[in-house]
Amino acid sequence: MPAPMLPLSLSACTCVSAIGAGRAATLDALVSRRSGLRPYADGGLSTWVGRVEGLDEVRLPPELERFDCRNNRLASVGLAADGFAAAARAAARRWGSDRVAVVLGTSTSGIASAEDAYRRRDPASGRLPADFDYRHTQDLLSLPGFVRAALGLRGPASVLSTACTSAAKAFGEAAELMAAGSCDAAVVGGVDSLCDMTLHGFAALELVGKGPCRPFDADRDGISIGEAAAFVLLERPEAGATGRVGLLGFGASGDAHHMSTPHPEGRGAIAAMRAALASAGLAAAAVDYVNFHGTGTRANDAAEDRAVLEVVGEGANLAVDANGRFDLETAVAYAEALLPYGLWWYEEAGDPHDFALQAELAKHYERPMATGENLFAHQEARNLLRYGGMRPDRDWLQFDCALSYGLVEYLRTLDVMKDLGWSTRRVVPHGGHQMSLNIAAGLHLGGNESYPDVFRPFGGFADGIGVEDGYVALPQIPGVGFEAKAELSKLMRELAEG
């Protein structure tokens, strides 16, 4: 096995898409469950797309006008968000502008400009209009060339165009440049913009959905095409790179199964994931979260499911959380589809107070289910256990000890469980933070959820204490342990003193 790669720091990042420009707008849309997809109909194609509004009004600086196209306008909006351009220029001062590379992915580049040029061909000669600049718009190198010029960088510049993996592969290419000593930092990421070729190309492959895409839905019917830009500043960890997130490894594969359809068993994805784990020197059990491609096509979603299960091992290492979004029919359809995988649990399929749905679901799903995180009083817990069809021999309860009506009320909830024949070891409190952890340990509950980097500074456990092989230790200090979380402790002092 090759030696693990040197970890690299992700010290700045930004993104722009149909749901917003910048990290804050993107997070707000995600938390609010607000989609950026809108209906689209043109040239016989009717679907939904994710369009970034306002790009037609974006103007590039005079010295960069030769790069003017929709793709580079989108890139310019991305560079301006979240102070990313300033962070990249600071890295150039830190390392030297010739030591900062630009490695980006794109499938479209400025194809929309070429489409417009073809519409304006000379009717007699067929020549493209004189104002069409192929090199600085449609050429794939237009994107890294524009970003390099906009940021004043002089390091290596390259582009990858491997369809949906383009931007992801940019990370691996940049890491290899650093390993070879060709640079010390890199602007990585990707930009793709809407154009007719992409929309009608996917439609010709019969992969475009009629409505908004629904990844992994039983009735999914295809992809929704959008446009976006995302940039990350990747640096060697020494000499000033302060990012909390690191690139530990990467992997890529090319199984050549089919031009547009994945191998049904996900062999290409399996090879890539295993290569990434080997590159990082990690076992699959060390991975807490996997971001699926999730195109919403029937073949891709099914292959991804199989690939992830193959890599992480038994289905008992995975849980599925529906976040209370399903009606009964959908919840049952998912239950029947998930049953063969042997998941650790199927969580909160429907409204947390719809006990009749939960009871009916239990008739269709014999594997463990979990719910209860939104029930805060012992009366609610009692109704769930009486009428929700929950089974004390296999199901899990997620009563949130921090959000319940005080610790005394939580103890009443545990008493209700005992009265109805449940062991309190079947409780795994929702909320992966220090308060829940200490209460779960003190009351000898069955476990505690873990959210290492979510809901900061409240989420996560004490500084320096990580989850290893599914277990986490308590900080060796009196009390709940807030003082062992420096960021949270600082905030609490400020509030107390203010």
Protein backbone atom coordinates (compact mmCIF):
# COMPACT_ATOMS: atom_id res chain seq x y z
CA MET A 1 0.00 0.00 0.00
CA PRO A 2 1.40 3.44 -0.89
CA ALA A 3 2.31 5.82 1.91
CA PRO A 4 -0.50 8.24 2.88
CA MET A 5 -0.30 11.67 1.26
CA LEU A 6 0.71 14.74 3.22
CA PRO A 7 -2.49 16.38 4.55
CA LEU A 8 -3.23 19.78 3.03
CA SER A 9 -5.14 22.70 4.54
CA LEU A 10 -8.36 24.07 3.04
CA SER A 11 -7.88 27.61 4.28
CA ALA A 12 -10.60 29.50 2.37
CA CYS A 13 -13.66 28.55 0.34
CA THR A 14 -16.71 29.98 -1.37
CA CYS A 15 -19.58 28.91 -3.61
CA VAL A 16 -22.23 30.45 -5.83
CA SER A 17 -25.28 28.66 -7.22
CA ALA A 18 -28.98 29.13 -7.86
CA ILE A 19 -29.64 29.10 -4.10
CA GLY A 20 -27.30 32.01 -3.36
CA ALA A 21 -23.89 33.63 -3.53
CA GLY A 22 -21.51 32.78 -0.69
CA ARG A 23 -21.47 30.32 2.19
CA ALA A 24 -24.00 32.14 4.39
CA ALA A 25 -26.64 32.36 1.66
CA THR A 26 -26.03 28.73 0.72
CA LEU A 27 -26.35 27.53 4.32
CA ASP A 28 -29.51 29.58 4.83
CA ALA A 29 -31.10 28.00 1.76
CA LEU A 30 -30.12 24.50 2.86
CA VAL A 31 -31.43 24.97 6.41
CA SER A 32 -34.63 26.50 5.03
CA ARG A 33 -34.92 23.69 2.46
CA ARG A 34 -35.21 26.33 -0.27
CA SER A 35 -34.53 25.06 -3.77
CA GLY A 36 -33.05 27.14 -6.57
CA LEU A 37 -34.68 25.06 -9.31
CA ARG A 38 -37.18 26.79 -11.61
CA PRO A 39 -39.28 25.61 -14.60
CA TYR A 40 -37.63 25.80 -18.01
CA ALA A 41 -39.13 25.29 -21.46
CA ASP A 42 -37.31 25.91 -24.74
CA GLY A 43 -36.72 24.12 -28.01
CA GLY A 44 -39.11 21.32 -27.17
CA LEU A 45 -37.45 20.65 -23.81
CA SER A 46 -39.50 21.06 -20.63
CA THR A 47 -37.66 20.56 -17.33
CA TRP A 48 -36.35 22.44 -14.28
CA VAL A 49 -32.98 24.20 -14.08
CA GLY A 50 -30.88 25.99 -11.49
CA ARG A 51 -30.03 29.41 -12.97
CA VAL A 52 -27.88 32.00 -11.18
CA GLU A 53 -29.74 35.28 -11.56
CA GLY A 54 -28.03 38.52 -12.53
CA LEU A 55 -25.14 37.15 -14.59
CA ASP A 56 -26.24 39.12 -17.66
CA GLU A 57 -25.59 42.33 -15.73
CA VAL A 58 -22.11 41.31 -14.49
CA ARG A 59 -19.29 43.33 -16.10
CA LEU A 60 -15.67 42.20 -16.02
CA PRO A 61 -12.92 44.81 -15.46
CA PRO A 62 -11.55 46.36 -18.70
CA GLU A 63 -8.28 44.44 -18.43
CA LEU A 64 -10.25 41.16 -18.35
CA GLU A 65 -12.91 41.93 -20.98
CA ARG A 66 -11.39 39.46 -23.43
CA PHE A 67 -12.54 36.69 -21.06
CA ASP A 68 -16.15 37.88 -21.08
CA CYS A 69 -18.60 34.93 -21.22
CA ARG A 70 -21.28 33.51 -18.92
CA ASN A 71 -18.88 30.98 -17.39
CA ASN A 72 -16.25 33.55 -16.46
CA ARG A 73 -18.86 36.00 -15.20
CA LEU A 74 -20.05 33.26 -12.87
CA ALA A 75 -16.44 32.67 -11.83
CA SER A 76 -16.02 36.38 -11.06
CA VAL A 77 -19.06 36.34 -8.77
CA GLY A 78 -17.55 33.36 -6.96
CA LEU A 79 -14.16 35.01 -6.52
CA ALA A 80 -15.86 38.07 -5.00
CA ALA A 81 -17.84 36.08 -2.42
CA ASP A 82 -16.68 35.32 1.14
CA GLY A 83 -13.47 37.32 0.70
CA PHE A 84 -12.03 34.51 -1.39
CA ALA A 85 -10.06 36.72 -3.80
CA ALA A 86 -8.44 38.51 -0.85
CA ALA A 87 -7.51 35.18 0.74
CA ALA A 88 -5.95 33.95 -2.53
CA ARG A 89 -3.94 37.17 -2.91
CA ALA A 90 -2.76 36.85 0.69
CA ALA A 91 -1.55 33.33 -0.11
CA ALA A 92 0.33 34.75 -3.11
CA ARG A 93 2.10 37.20 -0.80
CA ARG A 94 2.83 34.40 1.65
CA TRP A 95 4.20 31.88 -0.83
CA GLY A 96 5.00 34.01 -3.88
CA SER A 97 2.61 34.48 -6.81
CA ASP A 98 4.57 31.95 -8.90
CA ARG A 99 4.06 29.30 -6.18
CA VAL A 100 0.26 29.43 -6.22
CA ALA A 101 -1.32 27.19 -8.88
CA VAL A 102 -4.78 27.33 -10.42
CA VAL A 103 -6.36 23.90 -10.99
CA LEU A 104 -10.03 23.98 -11.99
CA GLY A 105 -12.66 21.75 -13.52
CA THR A 106 -15.25 22.67 -16.13
CA SER A 107 -17.39 20.82 -18.64
CA THR A 108 -19.02 23.80 -20.31
CA SER A 109 -16.43 26.56 -20.21
CA GLY A 110 -17.87 29.37 -22.41
CA ILE A 111 -19.91 27.19 -24.75
CA ALA A 112 -22.86 29.59 -24.47
CA SER A 113 -20.73 32.24 -26.21
CA ALA A 114 -19.95 29.82 -29.03
CA GLU A 115 -23.64 28.99 -29.38
CA ASP A 116 -24.39 32.70 -29.72
CA ALA A 117 -21.59 33.09 -32.28
CA TYR A 118 -22.97 30.25 -34.40
CA ARG A 119 -26.37 31.93 -34.44
CA ARG A 120 -24.67 35.06 -35.78
CA ARG A 121 -22.66 33.37 -38.56
CA ASP A 122 -22.31 35.18 -41.85
CA PRO A 123 -25.19 33.79 -43.95
CA ALA A 124 -23.08 33.78 -47.10
CA SER A 125 -19.72 32.43 -45.94
CA GLY A 126 -20.71 30.71 -42.70
CA ARG A 127 -17.88 32.49 -40.90
CA LEU A 128 -18.16 33.16 -37.21
CA PRO A 129 -18.44 36.83 -36.19
CA ALA A 130 -15.17 38.72 -35.73
CA ASP A 131 -15.94 39.51 -32.08
CA PHE A 132 -15.99 35.80 -31.10
CA ASP A 133 -12.83 35.04 -29.13
CA TYR A 134 -12.62 31.24 -28.90
CA ARG A 135 -9.40 31.19 -26.88
CA HIS A 136 -10.67 33.37 -24.06
CA THR A 137 -14.26 32.06 -23.90
CA GLN A 138 -15.00 28.53 -25.14
CA ASP A 139 -11.51 27.05 -24.81
CA LEU A 140 -11.38 24.96 -21.63
CA LEU A 141 -8.26 26.86 -20.52
CA SER A 142 -10.30 30.07 -20.56
CA LEU A 143 -11.48 29.41 -16.99
CA PRO A 144 -8.09 28.90 -15.26
CA GLY A 145 -6.65 31.66 -17.46
CA PHE A 146 -9.31 34.08 -16.27
CA VAL A 147 -8.95 33.15 -12.59
CA ARG A 148 -5.17 33.32 -12.80
CA ALA A 149 -5.32 36.80 -14.36
CA ALA A 150 -8.04 38.06 -11.97
CA LEU A 151 -6.01 37.04 -8.90
CA GLY A 152 -2.59 38.07 -10.25
CA LEU A 153 -1.16 34.55 -9.94
CA ARG A 154 1.79 33.21 -11.94
CA GLY A 155 1.95 29.57 -10.85
CA PRO A 156 0.97 26.51 -12.92
CA ALA A 157 -2.53 26.55 -14.43
CA SER A 158 -4.50 23.55 -15.66
CA VAL A 159 -8.05 22.47 -16.35
CA LEU A 160 -9.85 19.14 -16.05
CA SER A 161 -12.95 18.25 -18.03
CA THR A 162 -14.25 14.87 -16.91
CA ALA A 163 -17.95 15.69 -16.67
CA CYS A 164 -19.33 15.61 -13.12
CA THR A 165 -15.99 14.68 -11.53
CA SER A 166 -14.08 17.65 -13.00
CA ALA A 167 -13.94 19.86 -9.91
CA ALA A 168 -13.42 16.93 -7.52
CA LYS A 169 -10.44 15.71 -9.53
CA ALA A 170 -8.94 19.21 -9.34
CA PHE A 171 -8.17 18.55 -5.67
CA GLY A 172 -6.17 15.44 -6.50
CA GLU A 173 -4.29 17.16 -9.34
CA ALA A 174 -3.38 20.08 -7.08
CA ALA A 175 -2.20 17.73 -4.34
CA GLU A 176 0.07 15.97 -6.84
CA LEU A 177 1.50 19.31 -7.99
CA MET A 178 2.38 20.11 -4.37
CA ALA A 179 3.85 16.66 -3.80
CA ALA A 180 6.04 17.21 -6.86
CA GLY A 181 7.24 20.55 -5.50
CA SER A 182 5.66 22.58 -8.32
CA CYS A 183 3.64 24.82 -6.00
CA ASP A 184 2.87 25.49 -2.33
CA ALA A 185 -0.77 26.48 -2.67
CA ALA A 186 -3.52 26.17 -5.25
CA VAL A 187 -6.87 27.67 -6.11
CA VAL A 188 -9.00 24.60 -6.84
CA GLY A 189 -12.65 24.05 -7.66
CA GLY A 190 -14.83 24.38 -10.71
CA VAL A 191 -17.32 26.42 -12.71
CA ASP A 192 -20.05 25.25 -15.07
CA SER A 193 -22.73 27.43 -16.65
CA LEU A 194 -26.02 26.78 -18.37
CA CYS A 195 -25.96 26.34 -22.13
CA ASP A 196 -28.11 24.68 -24.76
CA MET A 197 -25.60 21.95 -25.52
CA THR A 198 -25.60 20.63 -21.96
CA LEU A 199 -29.37 20.80 -21.55
CA HIS A 200 -30.21 19.16 -24.85
CA GLY A 201 -27.29 16.74 -24.59
CA PHE A 202 -28.57 15.28 -21.32
CA ALA A 203 -32.08 15.30 -22.76
CA ALA A 204 -30.84 13.26 -25.74
CA LEU A 205 -29.49 10.71 -23.26
CA GLU A 206 -32.98 10.61 -21.68
CA LEU A 207 -31.50 11.62 -18.32
CA VAL A 208 -33.31 14.94 -17.72
CA GLY A 209 -36.20 14.89 -15.24
CA LYS A 210 -39.55 16.44 -16.06
CA GLY A 211 -39.76 18.00 -12.61
CA PRO A 212 -37.19 18.93 -9.95
CA CYS A 213 -34.67 16.14 -9.41
CA ARG A 214 -35.39 13.80 -6.49
CA PRO A 215 -32.23 11.81 -5.73
CA PHE A 216 -32.92 8.31 -4.40
CA ASP A 217 -36.69 8.81 -4.58
CA ALA A 218 -38.57 5.70 -5.59
CA ASP A 219 -40.20 7.71 -8.41
CA ARG A 220 -37.11 9.65 -9.51
CA ASP A 221 -37.02 10.36 -13.23
CA GLY A 222 -33.78 12.22 -13.92
CA ILE A 223 -31.33 15.01 -13.35
CA SER A 224 -31.89 18.77 -13.10
CA ILE A 225 -29.17 20.82 -14.79
CA GLY A 226 -27.82 23.88 -13.01
CA GLU A 227 -24.86 26.22 -12.93
CA ALA A 228 -22.47 27.05 -10.11
CA ALA A 229 -18.98 28.15 -9.15
CA ALA A 230 -16.98 26.92 -6.15
CA PHE A 231 -13.41 27.70 -5.13
CA VAL A 232 -11.16 26.39 -2.37
CA LEU A 233 -7.70 27.62 -1.37
CA LEU A 234 -5.57 24.53 -0.81
CA GLU A 235 -2.23 25.07 0.97
CA ARG A 236 0.59 23.23 2.62
CA PRO A 237 -0.23 23.15 6.34
CA GLU A 238 2.94 24.98 7.39
CA ALA A 239 3.67 28.71 7.24
CA GLY A 240 0.34 30.34 7.94
CA ALA A 241 -2.33 28.08 6.46
CA THR A 242 -5.00 28.04 9.19
CA GLY A 243 -7.94 26.08 7.76
CA ARG A 244 -9.83 23.77 10.13
CA VAL A 245 -10.58 21.37 7.27
CA GLY A 246 -7.93 19.28 5.58
CA LEU A 247 -7.56 17.23 2.42
CA LEU A 248 -6.32 13.88 3.68
CA GLY A 249 -6.50 11.79 0.51
CA PHE A 250 -8.07 11.37 -2.89
CA GLY A 251 -8.85 8.65 -5.39
CA ALA A 252 -9.99 8.37 -8.98
CA SER A 253 -10.86 5.55 -11.35
CA GLY A 254 -11.93 4.91 -14.92
CA ASP A 255 -13.75 1.62 -15.37
CA ALA A 256 -14.78 2.36 -18.99
CA HIS A 257 -18.04 0.49 -18.45
CA HIS A 258 -20.14 2.84 -20.60
CA MET A 259 -19.94 6.39 -21.93
CA SER A 260 -22.78 7.71 -19.78
CA THR A 261 -23.99 4.91 -17.48
CA PRO A 262 -22.15 3.66 -14.37
CA HIS A 263 -21.45 0.00 -13.81
CA PRO A 264 -24.59 -1.38 -12.10
CA GLU A 265 -22.51 -2.60 -9.15
CA GLY A 266 -20.69 0.74 -8.85
CA ARG A 267 -17.25 -0.72 -9.57
CA GLY A 268 -15.76 2.61 -10.65
CA ALA A 269 -16.99 4.38 -7.52
CA ILE A 270 -15.77 1.51 -5.33
CA ALA A 271 -12.28 1.71 -6.81
CA ALA A 272 -12.18 5.51 -6.37
CA MET A 273 -13.35 5.41 -2.75
CA ARG A 274 -10.89 2.68 -1.81
CA ALA A 275 -8.07 4.60 -3.48
CA ALA A 276 -9.04 7.71 -1.51
CA LEU A 277 -9.03 5.79 1.79
CA ALA A 278 -5.64 4.27 0.96
CA SER A 279 -4.29 7.69 0.05
CA ALA A 280 -5.42 9.03 3.43
CA GLY A 281 -4.25 5.96 5.35
CA LEU A 282 -7.75 5.50 6.78
CA ALA A 283 -10.11 2.60 7.25
CA ALA A 284 -13.68 2.93 6.01
CA ALA A 285 -14.91 2.91 9.61
CA ALA A 286 -13.22 6.28 10.14
CA VAL A 287 -15.60 8.00 7.70
CA ASP A 288 -18.58 9.73 9.33
CA TYR A 289 -20.21 11.26 6.25
CA VAL A 290 -20.35 10.44 2.54
CA ASN A 291 -21.61 13.03 0.05
CA PHE A 292 -23.42 11.20 -2.73
CA HIS A 293 -23.47 12.37 -6.33
CA GLY A 294 -27.23 11.88 -6.26
CA THR A 295 -28.15 12.68 -9.85
CA GLY A 296 -31.72 11.48 -9.51
CA THR A 297 -31.30 9.00 -12.37
CA ARG A 298 -32.36 5.45 -11.71
CA ALA A 299 -29.09 3.79 -12.75
CA ASN A 300 -26.68 6.19 -11.00
CA ASP A 301 -28.46 6.35 -7.64
CA ALA A 302 -28.78 2.57 -7.42
CA ALA A 303 -25.10 2.07 -8.32
CA GLU A 304 -24.01 4.61 -5.70
CA ASP A 305 -26.02 2.85 -3.01
CA ARG A 306 -24.34 -0.45 -3.78
CA ALA A 307 -20.88 1.12 -4.03
CA VAL A 308 -21.03 2.83 -0.65
CA LEU A 309 -22.34 -0.26 1.09
CA GLU A 310 -19.55 -2.30 -0.50
CA VAL A 311 -16.88 0.08 0.81
CA VAL A 312 -18.17 0.77 4.31
CA GLY A 313 -19.11 -2.84 4.88
CA GLU A 314 -22.37 -4.15 6.28
CA GLY A 315 -25.51 -2.04 6.10
CA ALA A 316 -25.48 -2.06 9.89
CA ASN A 317 -22.79 0.62 9.66
CA LEU A 318 -25.26 3.01 8.01
CA ALA A 319 -28.42 4.78 9.13
CA VAL A 320 -30.96 6.67 7.02
CA ASP A 321 -32.68 9.79 8.41
CA ALA A 322 -35.76 11.06 6.51
CA ASN A 323 -36.12 14.12 8.79
CA GLY A 324 -39.86 13.60 9.14
CA ARG A 325 -40.63 14.49 5.52
CA PHE A 326 -42.58 11.47 4.25
CA ASP A 327 -46.27 10.70 4.05
CA LEU A 328 -47.27 7.10 4.73
CA GLU A 329 -47.09 5.93 1.13
CA THR A 330 -43.59 7.35 0.64
CA ALA A 331 -42.38 6.11 4.02
CA VAL A 332 -43.52 2.56 3.19
CA ALA A 333 -41.96 2.70 -0.29
CA TYR A 334 -38.61 3.68 1.23
CA ALA A 335 -38.96 1.02 3.91
CA GLU A 336 -39.43 -1.69 1.31
CA ALA A 337 -36.47 -0.40 -0.72
CA LEU A 338 -34.19 -0.10 2.34
CA LEU A 339 -35.05 -3.40 3.97
CA PRO A 340 -32.53 -5.56 2.03
CA TYR A 341 -29.63 -3.36 3.14
CA GLY A 342 -29.90 -4.26 6.84
CA LEU A 343 -29.40 -0.67 8.07
CA TRP A 344 -28.57 0.22 11.66
CA TRP A 345 -31.85 2.15 11.69
CA TYR A 346 -34.44 3.95 9.55
CA GLU A 347 -35.04 7.26 11.28
CA GLU A 348 -38.04 9.58 11.59
CA ALA A 349 -39.79 8.72 8.35
CA GLY A 350 -42.87 10.85 9.01
CA ASP A 351 -44.13 13.70 11.18
CA PRO A 352 -42.86 12.98 14.73
CA HIS A 353 -46.41 13.30 16.13
CA ASP A 354 -48.01 11.05 13.52
CA PHE A 355 -48.05 7.94 15.67
CA ALA A 356 -50.47 6.15 13.33
CA LEU A 357 -47.97 6.49 10.46
CA GLN A 358 -45.18 5.14 12.65
CA ALA A 359 -47.31 2.20 13.75
CA GLU A 360 -48.28 1.31 10.18
CA LEU A 361 -44.68 1.66 9.04
CA ALA A 362 -43.59 -0.93 11.59
CA LYS A 363 -45.78 -3.49 9.78
CA HIS A 364 -43.70 -3.00 6.62
CA TYR A 365 -40.21 -2.66 8.10
CA GLU A 366 -38.90 -5.38 10.35
CA ARG A 367 -35.46 -3.81 10.84
CA PRO A 368 -34.78 -1.22 13.60
CA MET A 369 -36.45 2.18 13.39
CA ALA A 370 -35.63 5.35 15.34
CA THR A 371 -37.65 8.43 16.26
CA GLY A 372 -38.48 10.74 19.16
CA GLU A 373 -35.99 13.61 18.79
CA ASN A 374 -38.84 16.16 18.56
CA LEU A 375 -40.77 14.90 21.58
CA PHE A 376 -39.82 16.93 24.65
CA ALA A 377 -42.35 15.94 27.35
CA HIS A 378 -42.95 12.61 29.05
CA GLN A 379 -46.60 12.64 27.88
CA GLU A 380 -45.44 12.76 24.25
CA ALA A 381 -43.02 9.93 24.86
CA ARG A 382 -45.78 7.88 26.48
CA ASN A 383 -48.08 8.39 23.47
CA LEU A 384 -45.33 7.35 21.08
CA LEU A 385 -44.66 4.14 23.00
CA ARG A 386 -48.37 3.34 23.39
CA TYR A 387 -49.57 4.13 19.88
CA GLY A 388 -46.52 4.43 17.57
CA GLY A 389 -45.83 0.74 17.04
CA MET A 390 -42.29 1.05 18.43
CA ARG A 391 -40.73 -2.29 19.43
CA PRO A 392 -38.57 -2.45 22.57
CA ASP A 393 -36.53 -5.38 21.29
CA ARG A 394 -35.04 -3.56 18.28
CA ASP A 395 -36.10 0.09 17.88
CA TRP A 396 -34.29 3.18 19.16
CA LEU A 397 -35.59 6.31 20.88
CA GLN A 398 -33.91 9.68 20.36
CA PHE A 399 -35.40 11.85 23.08
CA ASP A 400 -33.20 14.97 23.23
CA CYS A 401 -32.04 15.51 26.79
CA ALA A 402 -30.84 19.08 26.13
CA LEU A 403 -34.03 20.22 24.41
CA SER A 404 -36.46 18.46 26.75
CA TYR A 405 -38.18 20.45 29.46
CA GLY A 406 -35.34 20.14 31.92
CA LEU A 407 -33.47 17.18 33.34
CA VAL A 408 -36.29 16.39 35.80
CA GLU A 409 -38.75 16.06 32.91
CA TYR A 410 -36.24 13.88 31.06
CA LEU A 411 -36.08 11.57 34.06
CA ARG A 412 -39.88 11.33 33.94
CA THR A 413 -39.57 10.28 30.27
CA LEU A 414 -37.14 7.53 31.25
CA ASP A 415 -39.55 6.39 33.98
CA VAL A 416 -42.35 6.17 31.38
CA MET A 417 -40.10 3.96 29.28
CA LYS A 418 -39.46 1.60 32.18
CA ASP A 419 -43.18 1.43 33.02
CA LEU A 420 -43.91 0.41 29.41
CA GLY A 421 -41.24 -2.29 29.30
CA TRP A 422 -38.40 -0.39 27.66
CA SER A 423 -34.76 -0.35 28.68
CA THR A 424 -33.20 3.11 28.84
CA ARG A 425 -30.27 1.57 26.96
CA ARG A 426 -32.53 1.87 23.88
CA VAL A 427 -32.13 5.67 24.07
CA VAL A 428 -29.55 7.42 21.89
CA PRO A 429 -30.17 11.15 22.43
CA HIS A 430 -30.37 13.43 19.43
CA GLY A 431 -27.90 16.34 19.46
CA GLY A 432 -24.19 15.61 19.19
CA HIS A 433 -22.84 18.01 21.79
CA GLN A 434 -21.17 18.07 25.17
CA MET A 435 -24.33 18.50 27.28
CA SER A 436 -26.06 15.47 25.70
CA LEU A 437 -22.89 13.42 26.01
CA ASN A 438 -22.53 14.03 29.74
CA ILE A 439 -26.21 13.36 30.43
CA ALA A 440 -26.17 10.19 28.29
CA ALA A 441 -23.12 8.96 30.17
CA GLY A 442 -24.48 9.91 33.58
CA LEU A 443 -27.81 8.19 32.99
CA HIS A 444 -26.21 5.12 31.33
CA LEU A 445 -28.16 5.56 28.10
CA GLY A 446 -27.41 3.58 24.94
CA GLY A 447 -25.21 6.13 23.22
CA ASN A 448 -25.09 9.67 21.89
CA GLU A 449 -25.15 11.15 18.41
CA SER A 450 -22.00 12.88 17.16
CA TYR A 451 -21.91 16.10 15.10
CA PRO A 452 -18.20 17.07 15.17
CA ASP A 453 -18.45 20.24 13.05
CA VAL A 454 -22.17 21.00 13.00
CA PHE A 455 -23.94 23.79 14.92
CA ARG A 456 -20.70 25.40 16.01
CA PRO A 457 -19.79 26.44 18.60
CA PHE A 458 -22.47 24.45 20.44
CA GLY A 459 -22.12 21.18 18.53
CA GLY A 460 -19.33 18.69 19.01
CA PHE A 461 -17.49 17.46 22.04
CA ALA A 462 -14.59 18.77 24.11
CA ASP A 463 -11.54 20.02 22.23
CA GLY A 464 -9.04 17.26 21.49
CA ILE A 465 -11.51 14.45 22.13
CA GLY A 466 -12.49 12.56 18.99
CA VAL A 467 -14.69 9.62 18.15
CA GLU A 468 -12.64 6.42 17.80
CA ASP A 469 -14.18 3.10 16.80
CA GLY A 470 -17.61 4.45 17.69
CA TYR A 471 -16.62 5.59 21.20
CA VAL A 472 -15.89 8.99 22.73
CA ALA A 473 -14.40 9.86 26.13
CA LEU A 474 -15.58 12.46 28.63
CA PRO A 475 -13.30 15.40 29.46
CA GLN A 476 -11.58 14.96 32.80
CA ILE A 477 -12.92 18.16 34.36
CA PRO A 478 -15.82 18.86 36.75
CA GLY A 479 -19.28 19.71 35.41
CA VAL A 480 -20.65 19.35 31.91
CA GLY A 481 -17.40 20.21 30.20
CA PHE A 482 -18.23 23.47 28.44
CA GLU A 483 -14.89 24.90 29.61
CA ALA A 484 -13.12 22.26 27.52
CA LYS A 485 -14.65 23.77 24.36
CA ALA A 486 -12.62 26.94 23.90
CA GLU A 487 -14.85 28.51 21.24
CA LEU A 488 -18.05 27.87 23.22
CA SER A 489 -16.50 28.89 26.54
CA LYS A 490 -15.39 32.22 25.04
CA LEU A 491 -18.90 32.91 23.73
CA MET A 492 -20.52 32.04 27.07
CA ARG A 493 -18.14 34.37 28.94
CA GLU A 494 -18.93 37.19 26.54
CA LEU A 495 -22.64 36.71 27.03
CA ALA A 496 -22.27 36.55 30.82
CA GLU A 497 -20.10 39.65 30.98
CA GLY A 498 -22.14 41.61 28.42
